[in-house]
Amino acid sequence: MRNMSLVLTTAAALALAPAVSSAKGCVKGAAVGGVAGHVAGKHGVAGAAVGCAVGHHEAKVKAKNEAAAQANANAASTTTNTAAGIEQRR
């Protein structure tokens, strides 16, 4: 029975691998969470699951902040270029 569970779990993991691999931050978070969970009392799988969720969340926040910074940089350069263009026309 245990072997059947192992086979089904492995098959499910392989089937979901493409979806999980696109989740940025999940692998790094899962590795850290798995180690922390194992050290905290043999809860490596739970730690990996929570680490994946936290890592993915942190990656989304980082991407959002980078996009906002890029938008602000683009807006600032447009304003500077527009102001310079107006001054050049005078």
Protein backbone atom coordinates (compact mmCIF):
# COMPACT_ATOMS: atom_id res chain seq x y z
CA MET A 1 0.00 0.00 0.00
CA ARG A 2 2.83 2.37 0.82
CA ASN A 3 4.47 1.70 -2.54
CA MET A 4 1.21 2.55 -4.32
CA SER A 5 1.02 5.85 -2.43
CA LEU A 6 4.58 6.65 -3.38
CA VAL A 7 3.92 5.88 -7.04
CA LEU A 8 0.75 8.01 -7.11
CA THR A 9 2.44 10.90 -5.33
CA THR A 10 5.39 10.80 -7.73
CA ALA A 11 3.08 10.65 -10.74
CA ALA A 12 1.08 13.62 -9.46
CA ALA A 13 4.25 15.61 -8.83
CA LEU A 14 5.52 14.92 -12.34
CA ALA A 15 2.17 15.82 -13.86
CA LEU A 16 2.12 19.15 -12.06
CA ALA A 17 5.80 19.94 -12.59
CA PRO A 18 5.29 22.31 -15.56
CA ALA A 19 2.71 24.33 -13.61
CA VAL A 20 4.87 24.52 -10.52
CA SER A 21 8.04 25.43 -12.38
CA SER A 22 6.44 28.61 -13.68
CA ALA A 23 5.71 29.79 -10.15
CA LYS A 24 8.59 32.15 -9.50
CA GLY A 25 10.09 31.85 -6.04
CA CYS A 26 8.44 28.52 -5.30
CA VAL A 27 11.50 26.31 -5.66
CA LYS A 28 13.71 28.54 -3.52
CA GLY A 29 11.00 28.95 -0.88
CA ALA A 30 10.25 25.23 -0.86
CA ALA A 31 13.90 24.39 -0.32
CA VAL A 32 14.24 26.80 2.59
CA GLY A 33 10.88 25.83 4.08
CA GLY A 34 11.60 22.13 3.74
CA VAL A 35 14.87 22.43 5.62
CA ALA A 36 13.31 24.64 8.30
CA GLY A 37 10.37 22.26 8.70
CA HIS A 38 12.66 19.26 8.97
CA VAL A 39 14.79 20.95 11.63
CA ALA A 40 11.69 22.13 13.51
CA GLY A 41 10.40 18.62 14.04
CA LYS A 42 10.27 16.47 10.94
CA HIS A 43 7.69 18.61 9.16
CA GLY A 44 9.69 18.96 5.96
CA VAL A 45 6.77 18.49 3.56
CA ALA A 46 4.59 21.05 5.35
CA GLY A 47 7.53 23.43 5.49
CA ALA A 48 8.15 23.00 1.78
CA ALA A 49 4.51 23.70 0.96
CA VAL A 50 4.41 26.84 3.09
CA GLY A 51 7.84 27.91 1.81
CA CYS A 52 6.62 27.57 -1.76
CA ALA A 53 3.60 29.76 -1.04
CA VAL A 54 5.66 32.39 0.75
CA GLY A 55 8.38 32.35 -1.90
CA HIS A 56 5.82 32.77 -4.67
CA HIS A 57 4.17 35.65 -2.81
CA GLU A 58 7.50 37.40 -2.25
CA ALA A 59 8.39 37.02 -5.94
CA LYS A 60 5.06 38.57 -6.94
CA VAL A 61 5.60 41.51 -4.57
CA LYS A 62 9.14 42.00 -5.91
CA ALA A 63 7.92 41.94 -9.52
CA LYS A 64 5.15 44.42 -8.72
CA ASN A 65 7.62 46.79 -7.03
CA GLU A 66 10.05 46.52 -9.94
CA ALA A 67 7.27 47.27 -12.43
CA ALA A 68 6.21 50.31 -10.40
CA ALA A 69 9.80 51.55 -10.20
CA GLN A 70 10.19 51.08 -13.96
CA ALA A 71 6.96 52.98 -14.61
CA ASN A 72 8.12 55.81 -12.34
CA ALA A 73 11.48 55.93 -14.10
CA ASN A 74 9.76 56.07 -17.50
CA ALA A 75 7.39 58.81 -16.30
CA ALA A 76 10.29 60.83 -14.90
CA SER A 77 12.30 60.57 -18.13
CA THR A 78 9.26 61.57 -20.18
CA THR A 79 8.66 64.60 -17.97
CA THR A 80 12.33 65.59 -18.18
CA ASN A 81 12.37 65.18 -21.94
CA THR A 82 9.16 67.17 -22.32
CA ALA A 83 10.44 69.97 -20.12
CA ALA A 84 13.72 70.05 -22.05
CA GLY A 85 11.82 70.09 -25.33
CA ILE A 86 9.71 73.07 -24.21
CA GLU A 87 12.78 74.98 -23.09
CA GLN A 88 14.52 74.28 -26.38
CA ARG A 89 11.61 75.71 -28.36
CA ARG A 90 11.66 79.04 -26.52
